[in-house]
N, C-alpha and C. Protein backbone atom coordinates (compact mmCIF):
# COMPACT_ATOMS: atom_id res chain seq x y z
N MET A 1 -43.58 32.40 15.89
CA MET A 1 -43.45 32.61 14.44
C MET A 1 -41.98 32.54 14.01
N VAL A 2 -41.10 33.12 14.85
CA VAL A 2 -39.66 33.05 14.55
C VAL A 2 -39.21 31.60 14.48
N ASP A 3 -39.68 30.80 15.42
CA ASP A 3 -39.34 29.38 15.47
C ASP A 3 -39.76 28.69 14.17
N LYS A 4 -40.96 29.00 13.70
CA LYS A 4 -41.49 28.37 12.48
C LYS A 4 -40.70 28.82 11.24
N VAL A 5 -40.27 30.08 11.24
CA VAL A 5 -39.46 30.57 10.11
C VAL A 5 -38.18 29.77 10.01
N PHE A 6 -37.50 29.56 11.14
CA PHE A 6 -36.24 28.82 11.12
C PHE A 6 -36.47 27.35 10.77
N GLU A 7 -37.61 26.79 11.15
CA GLU A 7 -37.95 25.42 10.72
C GLU A 7 -38.01 25.35 9.20
N LYS A 8 -38.66 26.34 8.58
CA LYS A 8 -38.77 26.38 7.13
C LYS A 8 -37.39 26.50 6.48
N LEU A 9 -36.56 27.40 7.01
CA LEU A 9 -35.22 27.59 6.45
C LEU A 9 -34.38 26.32 6.57
N ALA A 10 -34.52 25.62 7.69
CA ALA A 10 -33.76 24.37 7.89
C ALA A 10 -34.21 23.30 6.91
N LYS A 11 -35.52 23.19 6.67
CA LYS A 11 -36.04 22.20 5.73
C LYS A 11 -35.59 22.51 4.30
N ILE A 12 -35.60 23.80 3.96
CA ILE A 12 -35.13 24.19 2.62
C ILE A 12 -33.65 23.86 2.47
N SER A 13 -32.87 24.16 3.49
CA SER A 13 -31.42 23.86 3.46
C SER A 13 -31.19 22.37 3.31
N ALA A 14 -31.92 21.57 4.08
CA ALA A 14 -31.75 20.11 4.05
C ALA A 14 -32.08 19.54 2.68
N GLY A 15 -32.95 20.22 1.94
CA GLY A 15 -33.33 19.74 0.61
C GLY A 15 -32.18 19.70 -0.38
N TYR A 16 -31.09 20.40 -0.08
CA TYR A 16 -29.91 20.40 -0.95
C TYR A 16 -28.83 19.44 -0.45
N SER A 17 -29.14 18.69 0.60
CA SER A 17 -28.27 17.64 1.15
C SER A 17 -26.86 18.13 1.50
N PRO A 18 -26.74 19.27 2.18
CA PRO A 18 -25.39 19.73 2.57
C PRO A 18 -24.90 18.98 3.80
N ILE A 19 -23.59 18.81 3.89
CA ILE A 19 -22.97 18.24 5.09
C ILE A 19 -22.18 19.33 5.82
N LYS A 20 -21.26 19.96 5.11
CA LYS A 20 -20.45 21.02 5.71
C LYS A 20 -21.15 22.36 5.51
N ILE A 21 -21.58 22.96 6.64
CA ILE A 21 -22.38 24.17 6.60
C ILE A 21 -21.70 25.28 7.41
N LEU A 22 -21.66 26.47 6.82
CA LEU A 22 -21.19 27.66 7.52
C LEU A 22 -22.37 28.61 7.66
N GLU A 23 -22.65 29.04 8.90
CA GLU A 23 -23.69 30.05 9.12
C GLU A 23 -23.02 31.35 9.55
N VAL A 24 -23.29 32.42 8.83
CA VAL A 24 -22.77 33.73 9.17
C VAL A 24 -23.84 34.48 9.96
N GLY A 25 -23.58 34.70 11.25
CA GLY A 25 -24.56 35.33 12.11
C GLY A 25 -25.41 34.28 12.81
N VAL A 26 -24.85 33.62 13.81
CA VAL A 26 -25.53 32.50 14.48
C VAL A 26 -26.67 32.98 15.37
N GLY A 27 -26.52 34.17 15.95
CA GLY A 27 -27.56 34.69 16.84
C GLY A 27 -27.75 33.81 18.06
N LYS A 28 -28.99 33.49 18.35
CA LYS A 28 -29.30 32.66 19.52
C LYS A 28 -29.18 31.17 19.22
N GLY A 29 -28.79 30.82 18.00
CA GLY A 29 -28.58 29.42 17.66
C GLY A 29 -29.85 28.67 17.31
N ILE A 30 -30.93 29.40 17.02
CA ILE A 30 -32.20 28.74 16.72
C ILE A 30 -32.11 27.94 15.42
N LEU A 31 -31.53 28.56 14.38
CA LEU A 31 -31.40 27.85 13.11
C LEU A 31 -30.47 26.64 13.26
N TYR A 32 -29.40 26.81 14.03
CA TYR A 32 -28.49 25.68 14.27
C TYR A 32 -29.25 24.48 14.84
N GLU A 33 -30.12 24.71 15.82
CA GLU A 33 -30.89 23.63 16.44
C GLU A 33 -31.81 22.97 15.43
N LYS A 34 -32.43 23.76 14.56
CA LYS A 34 -33.33 23.21 13.54
C LYS A 34 -32.55 22.41 12.50
N LEU A 35 -31.37 22.91 12.13
CA LEU A 35 -30.53 22.20 11.16
C LEU A 35 -30.08 20.85 11.71
N LYS A 36 -29.76 20.81 13.01
CA LYS A 36 -29.34 19.55 13.63
C LYS A 36 -30.41 18.47 13.49
N LYS A 37 -31.67 18.88 13.63
CA LYS A 37 -32.78 17.92 13.52
C LYS A 37 -32.95 17.44 12.08
N GLU A 38 -32.78 18.36 11.14
CA GLU A 38 -32.98 18.02 9.72
C GLU A 38 -31.78 17.31 9.12
N ILE A 39 -30.56 17.66 9.59
CA ILE A 39 -29.33 17.10 9.02
C ILE A 39 -28.45 16.62 10.18
N PRO A 40 -28.77 15.49 10.78
CA PRO A 40 -28.03 15.02 11.97
C PRO A 40 -26.53 14.87 11.74
N GLN A 41 -26.13 14.57 10.51
CA GLN A 41 -24.73 14.31 10.20
C GLN A 41 -23.95 15.57 9.80
N MET A 42 -24.57 16.74 9.91
CA MET A 42 -23.92 17.94 9.41
C MET A 42 -22.66 18.28 10.21
N GLU A 43 -21.72 18.93 9.52
CA GLU A 43 -20.52 19.49 10.13
C GLU A 43 -20.68 21.01 10.06
N TYR A 44 -20.88 21.61 11.21
CA TYR A 44 -21.33 23.01 11.29
C TYR A 44 -20.25 23.91 11.88
N ILE A 45 -20.09 25.08 11.27
CA ILE A 45 -19.28 26.15 11.83
C ILE A 45 -20.10 27.44 11.73
N GLY A 46 -20.10 28.22 12.79
CA GLY A 46 -20.80 29.49 12.77
C GLY A 46 -19.84 30.65 12.94
N ILE A 47 -20.26 31.82 12.51
CA ILE A 47 -19.51 33.06 12.73
C ILE A 47 -20.42 34.02 13.49
N GLU A 48 -19.90 34.60 14.56
CA GLU A 48 -20.71 35.51 15.38
C GLU A 48 -19.89 36.73 15.78
N ALA A 49 -20.48 37.92 15.61
CA ALA A 49 -19.78 39.16 15.94
C ALA A 49 -20.05 39.63 17.36
N SER A 50 -21.18 39.23 17.92
CA SER A 50 -21.56 39.71 19.26
C SER A 50 -20.87 38.91 20.36
N ASP A 51 -20.23 39.61 21.28
CA ASP A 51 -19.58 38.96 22.42
C ASP A 51 -20.59 38.17 23.25
N THR A 52 -21.72 38.79 23.55
CA THR A 52 -22.73 38.17 24.40
C THR A 52 -23.29 36.90 23.76
N LEU A 53 -23.66 37.00 22.48
CA LEU A 53 -24.22 35.83 21.79
C LEU A 53 -23.19 34.73 21.62
N TYR A 54 -21.94 35.13 21.37
CA TYR A 54 -20.88 34.13 21.23
C TYR A 54 -20.71 33.33 22.52
N GLU A 55 -20.76 33.99 23.66
CA GLU A 55 -20.65 33.29 24.94
C GLU A 55 -21.83 32.35 25.16
N GLU A 56 -23.03 32.77 24.75
CA GLU A 56 -24.20 31.91 24.85
C GLU A 56 -24.04 30.67 23.97
N GLN A 57 -23.48 30.89 22.77
CA GLN A 57 -23.28 29.77 21.85
C GLN A 57 -22.29 28.76 22.41
N LYS A 58 -21.23 29.23 23.05
CA LYS A 58 -20.26 28.33 23.66
C LYS A 58 -20.91 27.47 24.73
N LYS A 59 -21.79 28.08 25.53
CA LYS A 59 -22.49 27.33 26.58
C LYS A 59 -23.38 26.25 26.00
N LYS A 60 -23.91 26.50 24.80
CA LYS A 60 -24.80 25.53 24.15
C LYS A 60 -24.01 24.50 23.33
N GLY A 61 -22.69 24.65 23.29
CA GLY A 61 -21.87 23.70 22.54
C GLY A 61 -21.86 23.94 21.04
N ILE A 62 -22.21 25.16 20.62
CA ILE A 62 -22.21 25.49 19.19
C ILE A 62 -20.80 25.85 18.76
N ASN A 63 -20.34 25.24 17.67
CA ASN A 63 -19.01 25.48 17.13
C ASN A 63 -19.01 26.79 16.34
N SER A 64 -18.59 27.88 16.97
CA SER A 64 -18.61 29.17 16.29
C SER A 64 -17.30 29.92 16.49
N ILE A 65 -17.04 30.87 15.60
CA ILE A 65 -15.85 31.70 15.62
C ILE A 65 -16.29 33.13 15.91
N LYS A 66 -15.62 33.79 16.84
CA LYS A 66 -15.96 35.17 17.19
C LYS A 66 -15.19 36.12 16.29
N CYS A 67 -15.89 36.78 15.36
CA CYS A 67 -15.24 37.75 14.49
C CYS A 67 -16.28 38.52 13.70
N PHE A 68 -15.85 39.63 13.12
CA PHE A 68 -16.64 40.36 12.14
C PHE A 68 -16.18 39.93 10.75
N VAL A 69 -17.09 39.99 9.77
CA VAL A 69 -16.71 39.82 8.37
C VAL A 69 -17.23 41.03 7.59
N PRO A 70 -16.54 41.38 6.45
CA PRO A 70 -15.29 40.81 5.96
C PRO A 70 -14.09 41.32 6.77
N PRO A 71 -12.94 40.61 6.64
CA PRO A 71 -12.70 39.38 5.86
C PRO A 71 -13.11 38.15 6.67
N PHE A 72 -13.17 37.02 5.99
CA PHE A 72 -13.45 35.77 6.67
C PHE A 72 -12.17 35.26 7.34
N PRO A 73 -12.33 34.59 8.48
CA PRO A 73 -11.14 34.07 9.17
C PRO A 73 -10.37 33.07 8.32
N GLN A 74 -9.05 33.12 8.43
CA GLN A 74 -8.17 32.32 7.58
C GLN A 74 -8.31 30.82 7.85
N GLU A 75 -8.77 30.44 9.04
CA GLU A 75 -8.87 29.01 9.35
C GLU A 75 -10.00 28.30 8.60
N LEU A 76 -10.90 29.07 7.96
CA LEU A 76 -11.96 28.45 7.18
C LEU A 76 -11.39 27.91 5.87
N GLU A 77 -11.77 26.70 5.54
CA GLU A 77 -11.22 26.00 4.38
C GLU A 77 -11.79 26.54 3.07
N LYS A 78 -10.91 26.96 2.17
CA LYS A 78 -11.35 27.40 0.84
C LYS A 78 -11.94 26.21 0.08
N ASP A 79 -13.00 26.46 -0.66
CA ASP A 79 -13.70 25.40 -1.41
C ASP A 79 -14.11 24.25 -0.48
N GLY A 80 -14.42 24.57 0.79
CA GLY A 80 -14.63 23.51 1.77
C GLY A 80 -16.06 23.31 2.23
N PHE A 81 -17.00 24.19 1.82
CA PHE A 81 -18.35 24.13 2.36
C PHE A 81 -19.38 23.79 1.28
N ASP A 82 -20.35 22.99 1.69
CA ASP A 82 -21.47 22.66 0.80
C ASP A 82 -22.50 23.78 0.78
N MET A 83 -22.63 24.48 1.89
CA MET A 83 -23.65 25.54 1.99
C MET A 83 -23.19 26.61 2.97
N VAL A 84 -23.49 27.86 2.62
CA VAL A 84 -23.33 28.99 3.54
C VAL A 84 -24.71 29.62 3.71
N ILE A 85 -25.05 29.94 4.96
CA ILE A 85 -26.37 30.50 5.28
C ILE A 85 -26.18 31.86 5.96
N MET A 86 -26.95 32.85 5.49
CA MET A 86 -27.00 34.15 6.16
C MET A 86 -28.46 34.57 6.28
N SER A 87 -28.98 34.59 7.50
CA SER A 87 -30.35 35.01 7.75
C SER A 87 -30.35 36.35 8.47
N HIS A 88 -30.91 37.35 7.82
CA HIS A 88 -31.00 38.71 8.36
C HIS A 88 -29.63 39.23 8.81
N VAL A 89 -28.68 39.10 7.90
CA VAL A 89 -27.32 39.61 8.11
C VAL A 89 -26.94 40.59 7.00
N LEU A 90 -27.33 40.30 5.78
CA LEU A 90 -26.89 41.06 4.61
C LEU A 90 -27.20 42.55 4.75
N GLU A 91 -28.35 42.88 5.33
CA GLU A 91 -28.77 44.28 5.44
C GLU A 91 -27.94 45.07 6.45
N HIS A 92 -27.12 44.38 7.24
CA HIS A 92 -26.33 45.05 8.27
C HIS A 92 -24.95 45.50 7.77
N PHE A 93 -24.57 45.14 6.55
CA PHE A 93 -23.29 45.61 6.04
C PHE A 93 -23.39 47.09 5.65
N VAL A 94 -22.25 47.75 5.70
CA VAL A 94 -22.23 49.21 5.60
C VAL A 94 -22.77 49.69 4.26
N ASP A 95 -22.33 49.06 3.16
CA ASP A 95 -22.75 49.48 1.83
C ASP A 95 -22.54 48.33 0.86
N TYR A 96 -22.78 48.59 -0.45
CA TYR A 96 -22.68 47.52 -1.43
C TYR A 96 -21.24 47.00 -1.56
N ARG A 97 -20.25 47.85 -1.30
CA ARG A 97 -18.86 47.40 -1.40
C ARG A 97 -18.56 46.34 -0.35
N GLU A 98 -19.01 46.58 0.88
CA GLU A 98 -18.78 45.61 1.94
C GLU A 98 -19.59 44.34 1.70
N ALA A 99 -20.85 44.50 1.28
CA ALA A 99 -21.68 43.34 0.98
C ALA A 99 -21.07 42.50 -0.13
N LEU A 100 -20.51 43.16 -1.14
CA LEU A 100 -19.89 42.47 -2.26
C LEU A 100 -18.65 41.69 -1.81
N LYS A 101 -17.85 42.27 -0.91
CA LYS A 101 -16.69 41.55 -0.37
C LYS A 101 -17.12 40.28 0.34
N VAL A 102 -18.23 40.37 1.08
CA VAL A 102 -18.73 39.20 1.81
C VAL A 102 -19.19 38.12 0.83
N ILE A 103 -19.96 38.51 -0.18
CA ILE A 103 -20.45 37.53 -1.15
C ILE A 103 -19.29 36.90 -1.91
N ASN A 104 -18.29 37.70 -2.29
CA ASN A 104 -17.12 37.16 -2.97
C ASN A 104 -16.33 36.22 -2.05
N GLY A 105 -16.27 36.57 -0.76
CA GLY A 105 -15.60 35.71 0.21
C GLY A 105 -16.31 34.38 0.36
N ILE A 106 -17.63 34.41 0.32
CA ILE A 106 -18.42 33.18 0.39
C ILE A 106 -18.17 32.32 -0.84
N ASN A 107 -18.05 32.96 -2.00
CA ASN A 107 -17.73 32.22 -3.22
C ASN A 107 -16.44 31.43 -3.04
N ASP A 108 -15.44 32.04 -2.42
CA ASP A 108 -14.16 31.37 -2.17
C ASP A 108 -14.33 30.14 -1.27
N LEU A 109 -15.24 30.23 -0.30
CA LEU A 109 -15.38 29.18 0.71
C LEU A 109 -16.23 28.00 0.24
N LEU A 110 -17.11 28.24 -0.72
CA LEU A 110 -18.00 27.17 -1.19
C LEU A 110 -17.30 26.23 -2.16
N LYS A 111 -17.67 24.96 -2.10
CA LYS A 111 -17.24 24.00 -3.10
C LYS A 111 -17.89 24.36 -4.44
N PRO A 112 -17.34 23.90 -5.56
CA PRO A 112 -18.03 24.08 -6.84
C PRO A 112 -19.44 23.48 -6.75
N GLY A 113 -20.44 24.25 -7.14
CA GLY A 113 -21.82 23.80 -7.03
C GLY A 113 -22.42 24.00 -5.64
N GLY A 114 -21.62 24.56 -4.69
CA GLY A 114 -22.13 24.82 -3.34
C GLY A 114 -23.24 25.86 -3.36
N LYS A 115 -24.03 25.89 -2.30
CA LYS A 115 -25.22 26.74 -2.25
C LYS A 115 -25.06 27.84 -1.20
N LEU A 116 -25.58 29.00 -1.54
CA LEU A 116 -25.67 30.13 -0.61
C LEU A 116 -27.15 30.41 -0.37
N LEU A 117 -27.58 30.35 0.89
CA LEU A 117 -28.96 30.65 1.24
C LEU A 117 -29.00 31.98 1.97
N LEU A 118 -29.75 32.92 1.41
CA LEU A 118 -29.90 34.25 2.00
C LEU A 118 -31.35 34.49 2.38
N PHE A 119 -31.57 35.07 3.54
CA PHE A 119 -32.91 35.45 3.99
C PHE A 119 -32.79 36.87 4.52
N TYR A 120 -33.61 37.79 3.99
CA TYR A 120 -33.40 39.21 4.26
C TYR A 120 -34.69 40.00 4.06
N PRO A 121 -34.80 41.17 4.70
CA PRO A 121 -36.02 41.97 4.55
C PRO A 121 -36.11 42.63 3.18
N CYS A 122 -37.33 42.73 2.69
CA CYS A 122 -37.58 43.42 1.42
C CYS A 122 -37.77 44.90 1.73
N ALA A 123 -36.78 45.71 1.38
CA ALA A 123 -36.84 47.14 1.70
C ALA A 123 -38.02 47.82 1.02
N ARG A 124 -38.42 47.33 -0.15
CA ARG A 124 -39.57 47.93 -0.85
C ARG A 124 -40.85 47.75 -0.04
N ASP A 125 -40.94 46.63 0.69
CA ASP A 125 -42.14 46.34 1.47
C ASP A 125 -42.08 47.01 2.85
N TYR A 126 -40.89 46.99 3.49
CA TYR A 126 -40.74 47.60 4.80
C TYR A 126 -40.83 49.12 4.75
N LYS A 127 -40.42 49.69 3.59
CA LYS A 127 -40.37 51.14 3.42
C LYS A 127 -39.49 51.78 4.51
N ILE A 128 -39.93 52.88 5.13
CA ILE A 128 -39.08 53.58 6.10
C ILE A 128 -38.78 52.70 7.30
N ASP A 129 -39.63 51.74 7.60
CA ASP A 129 -39.39 50.86 8.75
C ASP A 129 -38.18 49.95 8.53
N PHE A 130 -37.72 49.84 7.30
CA PHE A 130 -36.48 49.10 7.03
C PHE A 130 -35.34 49.68 7.86
N PHE A 131 -35.30 51.01 7.95
CA PHE A 131 -34.27 51.70 8.74
C PHE A 131 -34.73 51.92 10.18
N ASP A 132 -36.00 52.20 10.36
CA ASP A 132 -36.51 52.55 11.69
C ASP A 132 -36.52 51.35 12.63
N GLN A 133 -36.69 50.15 12.07
CA GLN A 133 -36.75 48.95 12.91
C GLN A 133 -35.42 48.66 13.57
N ASP A 134 -34.32 48.95 12.88
CA ASP A 134 -32.99 48.61 13.39
C ASP A 134 -31.99 49.66 12.88
N TYR A 135 -31.38 50.37 13.81
CA TYR A 135 -30.47 51.45 13.41
C TYR A 135 -29.24 50.94 12.65
N SER A 136 -28.96 49.62 12.72
CA SER A 136 -27.79 49.08 12.02
C SER A 136 -28.12 48.58 10.61
N HIS A 137 -29.37 48.75 10.17
CA HIS A 137 -29.70 48.41 8.77
C HIS A 137 -29.10 49.49 7.86
N SER A 138 -28.15 49.10 7.03
CA SER A 138 -27.46 50.07 6.18
C SER A 138 -27.55 49.72 4.70
N TYR A 139 -27.29 48.44 4.37
CA TYR A 139 -27.33 48.02 2.96
C TYR A 139 -28.77 47.71 2.58
N ILE A 140 -29.30 48.41 1.59
CA ILE A 140 -30.70 48.25 1.19
C ILE A 140 -30.86 46.95 0.40
N THR A 141 -31.70 46.06 0.91
CA THR A 141 -31.89 44.75 0.28
C THR A 141 -33.24 44.67 -0.44
N THR A 142 -33.16 44.46 -1.74
CA THR A 142 -34.34 44.16 -2.57
C THR A 142 -33.99 42.95 -3.43
N ARG A 143 -35.00 42.33 -3.99
CA ARG A 143 -34.76 41.14 -4.81
C ARG A 143 -33.78 41.45 -5.94
N HIS A 144 -34.00 42.53 -6.67
CA HIS A 144 -33.17 42.82 -7.84
C HIS A 144 -31.74 43.15 -7.43
N ARG A 145 -31.57 43.95 -6.39
CA ARG A 145 -30.22 44.32 -5.96
C ARG A 145 -29.41 43.09 -5.53
N VAL A 146 -30.04 42.20 -4.78
CA VAL A 146 -29.34 41.01 -4.31
C VAL A 146 -29.05 40.06 -5.47
N ASP A 147 -30.03 39.85 -6.33
CA ASP A 147 -29.83 38.93 -7.46
C ASP A 147 -28.70 39.38 -8.37
N THR A 148 -28.66 40.67 -8.68
CA THR A 148 -27.61 41.15 -9.60
C THR A 148 -26.23 41.10 -8.93
N MET A 149 -26.17 41.34 -7.62
CA MET A 149 -24.90 41.22 -6.91
C MET A 149 -24.41 39.77 -6.94
N LEU A 150 -25.32 38.83 -6.75
CA LEU A 150 -24.95 37.41 -6.80
C LEU A 150 -24.44 37.02 -8.19
N GLU A 151 -25.13 37.48 -9.21
CA GLU A 151 -24.73 37.16 -10.58
C GLU A 151 -23.34 37.72 -10.89
N ASP A 152 -23.04 38.90 -10.36
CA ASP A 152 -21.73 39.51 -10.59
C ASP A 152 -20.63 38.87 -9.75
N SER A 153 -21.02 37.97 -8.84
CA SER A 153 -20.06 37.34 -7.93
C SER A 153 -19.89 35.85 -8.21
N GLY A 154 -20.32 35.39 -9.37
CA GLY A 154 -20.12 33.99 -9.75
C GLY A 154 -21.17 33.05 -9.21
N PHE A 155 -22.41 33.54 -9.02
CA PHE A 155 -23.51 32.71 -8.56
C PHE A 155 -24.66 32.71 -9.57
N GLN A 156 -25.44 31.63 -9.52
CA GLN A 156 -26.69 31.56 -10.29
C GLN A 156 -27.83 31.35 -9.30
N VAL A 157 -28.82 32.23 -9.35
CA VAL A 157 -29.98 32.09 -8.47
C VAL A 157 -30.81 30.89 -8.91
N ILE A 158 -31.07 29.97 -7.99
CA ILE A 158 -31.82 28.76 -8.33
C ILE A 158 -33.16 28.66 -7.60
N LYS A 159 -33.37 29.53 -6.60
CA LYS A 159 -34.66 29.53 -5.89
C LYS A 159 -34.92 30.92 -5.34
N SER A 160 -36.14 31.41 -5.55
CA SER A 160 -36.57 32.69 -4.97
C SER A 160 -37.95 32.50 -4.36
N ASP A 161 -38.12 33.01 -3.16
CA ASP A 161 -39.41 32.90 -2.48
C ASP A 161 -39.52 34.05 -1.48
N SER A 162 -40.65 34.14 -0.80
CA SER A 162 -40.82 35.16 0.22
C SER A 162 -41.72 34.63 1.32
N LEU A 163 -41.57 35.20 2.51
CA LEU A 163 -42.40 34.85 3.66
C LEU A 163 -42.91 36.13 4.29
N ARG A 164 -44.14 36.07 4.79
CA ARG A 164 -44.65 37.11 5.68
C ARG A 164 -44.85 36.44 7.02
N ALA A 165 -44.04 36.82 8.01
CA ALA A 165 -43.91 36.06 9.26
C ALA A 165 -43.46 34.66 8.86
N CYS A 166 -44.17 33.61 9.27
CA CYS A 166 -43.79 32.25 8.89
C CYS A 166 -44.66 31.70 7.77
N PHE A 167 -45.41 32.58 7.10
CA PHE A 167 -46.38 32.13 6.10
C PHE A 167 -45.90 32.42 4.69
N ASN A 168 -45.96 31.41 3.81
CA ASN A 168 -45.72 31.67 2.39
C ASN A 168 -46.92 31.30 1.53
N ASN A 169 -48.05 30.99 2.19
CA ASN A 169 -49.32 30.84 1.49
C ASN A 169 -50.21 32.04 1.82
N PHE A 170 -51.22 32.27 0.98
CA PHE A 170 -52.15 33.38 1.18
C PHE A 170 -51.40 34.70 1.36
N LYS A 171 -50.41 34.92 0.49
CA LYS A 171 -49.57 36.11 0.63
C LYS A 171 -50.37 37.38 0.44
N TRP A 172 -51.39 37.32 -0.40
CA TRP A 172 -52.21 38.51 -0.62
C TRP A 172 -52.92 38.92 0.67
N PHE A 173 -53.41 37.92 1.43
CA PHE A 173 -54.11 38.20 2.68
C PHE A 173 -53.17 38.84 3.70
N PHE A 174 -51.98 38.24 3.87
CA PHE A 174 -51.04 38.76 4.86
C PHE A 174 -50.43 40.08 4.40
N GLY A 175 -50.41 40.30 3.08
CA GLY A 175 -49.97 41.60 2.58
C GLY A 175 -50.96 42.69 2.97
N ILE A 176 -52.27 42.39 2.83
CA ILE A 176 -53.31 43.35 3.25
C ILE A 176 -53.25 43.56 4.76
N LEU A 177 -53.10 42.46 5.51
CA LEU A 177 -53.02 42.55 6.97
C LEU A 177 -51.83 43.40 7.40
N SER A 178 -50.71 43.18 6.73
CA SER A 178 -49.51 43.96 7.04
C SER A 178 -49.75 45.44 6.81
N GLY A 179 -50.38 45.77 5.68
CA GLY A 179 -50.66 47.16 5.37
C GLY A 179 -51.57 47.81 6.41
N MET A 180 -52.57 47.05 6.87
CA MET A 180 -53.49 47.58 7.88
C MET A 180 -52.78 47.81 9.22
N ILE A 181 -51.95 46.83 9.63
CA ILE A 181 -51.22 46.97 10.90
C ILE A 181 -50.25 48.14 10.84
N ASN A 182 -49.60 48.32 9.68
CA ASN A 182 -48.62 49.40 9.56
C ASN A 182 -49.25 50.79 9.64
N LEU A 183 -50.57 50.86 9.43
CA LEU A 183 -51.26 52.14 9.58
C LEU A 183 -51.47 52.51 11.04
N CYS A 184 -51.34 51.51 11.91
CA CYS A 184 -51.57 51.73 13.34
C CYS A 184 -50.28 52.22 13.98
N THR A 185 -50.03 53.51 13.88
CA THR A 185 -48.76 54.07 14.32
C THR A 185 -48.56 54.01 15.84
N PHE A 186 -49.64 53.74 16.57
CA PHE A 186 -49.51 53.62 18.03
C PHE A 186 -48.88 52.28 18.42
N ILE A 187 -48.80 51.32 17.48
CA ILE A 187 -48.17 50.03 17.75
C ILE A 187 -46.66 50.19 17.54
N ASN A 188 -45.85 49.55 18.37
CA ASN A 188 -44.39 49.71 18.22
C ASN A 188 -43.91 49.13 16.89
N THR A 189 -42.77 49.63 16.44
CA THR A 189 -42.27 49.34 15.09
C THR A 189 -42.09 47.85 14.85
N ARG A 190 -41.47 47.14 15.79
CA ARG A 190 -41.20 45.72 15.57
C ARG A 190 -42.49 44.92 15.42
N THR A 191 -43.51 45.27 16.22
CA THR A 191 -44.79 44.56 16.11
C THR A 191 -45.46 44.89 14.79
N ARG A 192 -45.39 46.15 14.37
CA ARG A 192 -45.99 46.53 13.08
C ARG A 192 -45.35 45.76 11.93
N ASN A 193 -44.09 45.42 12.07
CA ASN A 193 -43.37 44.77 10.98
C ASN A 193 -43.54 43.25 10.95
N THR A 194 -44.38 42.70 11.82
CA THR A 194 -44.53 41.25 11.95
C THR A 194 -44.81 40.57 10.62
N PHE A 195 -45.69 41.15 9.82
CA PHE A 195 -46.09 40.50 8.57
C PHE A 195 -45.49 41.15 7.33
N ASN A 196 -44.46 41.98 7.51
CA ASN A 196 -43.78 42.53 6.35
C ASN A 196 -43.03 41.42 5.61
N LYS A 197 -42.73 41.69 4.35
CA LYS A 197 -42.17 40.65 3.48
C LYS A 197 -40.67 40.48 3.70
N ASN A 198 -40.25 39.22 3.90
CA ASN A 198 -38.84 38.84 3.93
C ASN A 198 -38.57 37.92 2.74
N LEU A 199 -37.44 38.10 2.12
CA LEU A 199 -37.11 37.41 0.87
C LEU A 199 -36.13 36.27 1.10
N LEU A 200 -36.35 35.20 0.38
CA LEU A 200 -35.46 34.03 0.40
C LEU A 200 -34.82 33.88 -0.96
N THR A 201 -33.50 33.75 -0.97
CA THR A 201 -32.76 33.49 -2.21
C THR A 201 -31.79 32.35 -1.98
N VAL A 202 -31.82 31.36 -2.86
CA VAL A 202 -30.80 30.31 -2.85
C VAL A 202 -30.03 30.43 -4.16
N ALA A 203 -28.71 30.52 -4.05
CA ALA A 203 -27.86 30.66 -5.24
C ALA A 203 -26.79 29.57 -5.24
N GLU A 204 -26.40 29.17 -6.43
CA GLU A 204 -25.40 28.11 -6.60
C GLU A 204 -24.11 28.72 -7.15
N LYS A 205 -23.00 28.30 -6.58
CA LYS A 205 -21.70 28.75 -7.08
C LYS A 205 -21.45 28.13 -8.45
N THR A 206 -21.21 29.02 -9.41
CA THR A 206 -20.98 28.55 -10.78
C THR A 206 -19.54 28.73 -11.24
N GLY A 207 -18.79 29.55 -10.52
CA GLY A 207 -17.41 29.78 -10.92
C GLY A 207 -16.79 30.85 -10.06
N GLY A 208 -15.62 31.32 -10.45
CA GLY A 208 -14.96 32.38 -9.70
C GLY A 208 -15.69 33.68 -9.86
N TYR A 209 -15.55 34.60 -8.91
CA TYR A 209 -16.24 35.88 -8.99
C TYR A 209 -15.45 36.83 -9.88
N LYS A 210 -16.15 37.85 -10.32
CA LYS A 210 -15.54 38.84 -11.23
C LYS A 210 -14.77 39.88 -10.45
């Protein structure tokens, strides 16, 4: 299912015809591999905070920078990227101030009209499992909170969608299924969260941030 989710994200990204792409939080490089298939000519740079994952990325030949953000590394070109992607990263920032610094930093790095693709858990749907699933989840992500932060940072939201696992059809069915599974407290937290709602937002840089 994870593989299929990244396939969907890569296809959505490719639909905007980006060449220069920055991914914040490369992880195991699954999205990178999917992007390569969809956009063979892409020029990719990743940012990774984990020492272990960064070493794995080097072995795979992934062009990534080892650092935490904010701030963004100085070697990244201002107004130099067609697209920035963050999948399941936004919720790990300490609070709205840190998240806002990151979004404003991305605004600096994107070309005029560049796109920011965000994929993140819906805290309203995950409920307490938003925190219980991962102790490093700190910034509460909901559609409204993310959209208003983007608008205050010089972005216009141009696409909103959601997935339950890798499915964006029959959402009512998977919503019921998710609710039933979440009642089974004997199942471990990560498995219970399989069909919880994750949100997709694509925003376009419209100008400087406030």
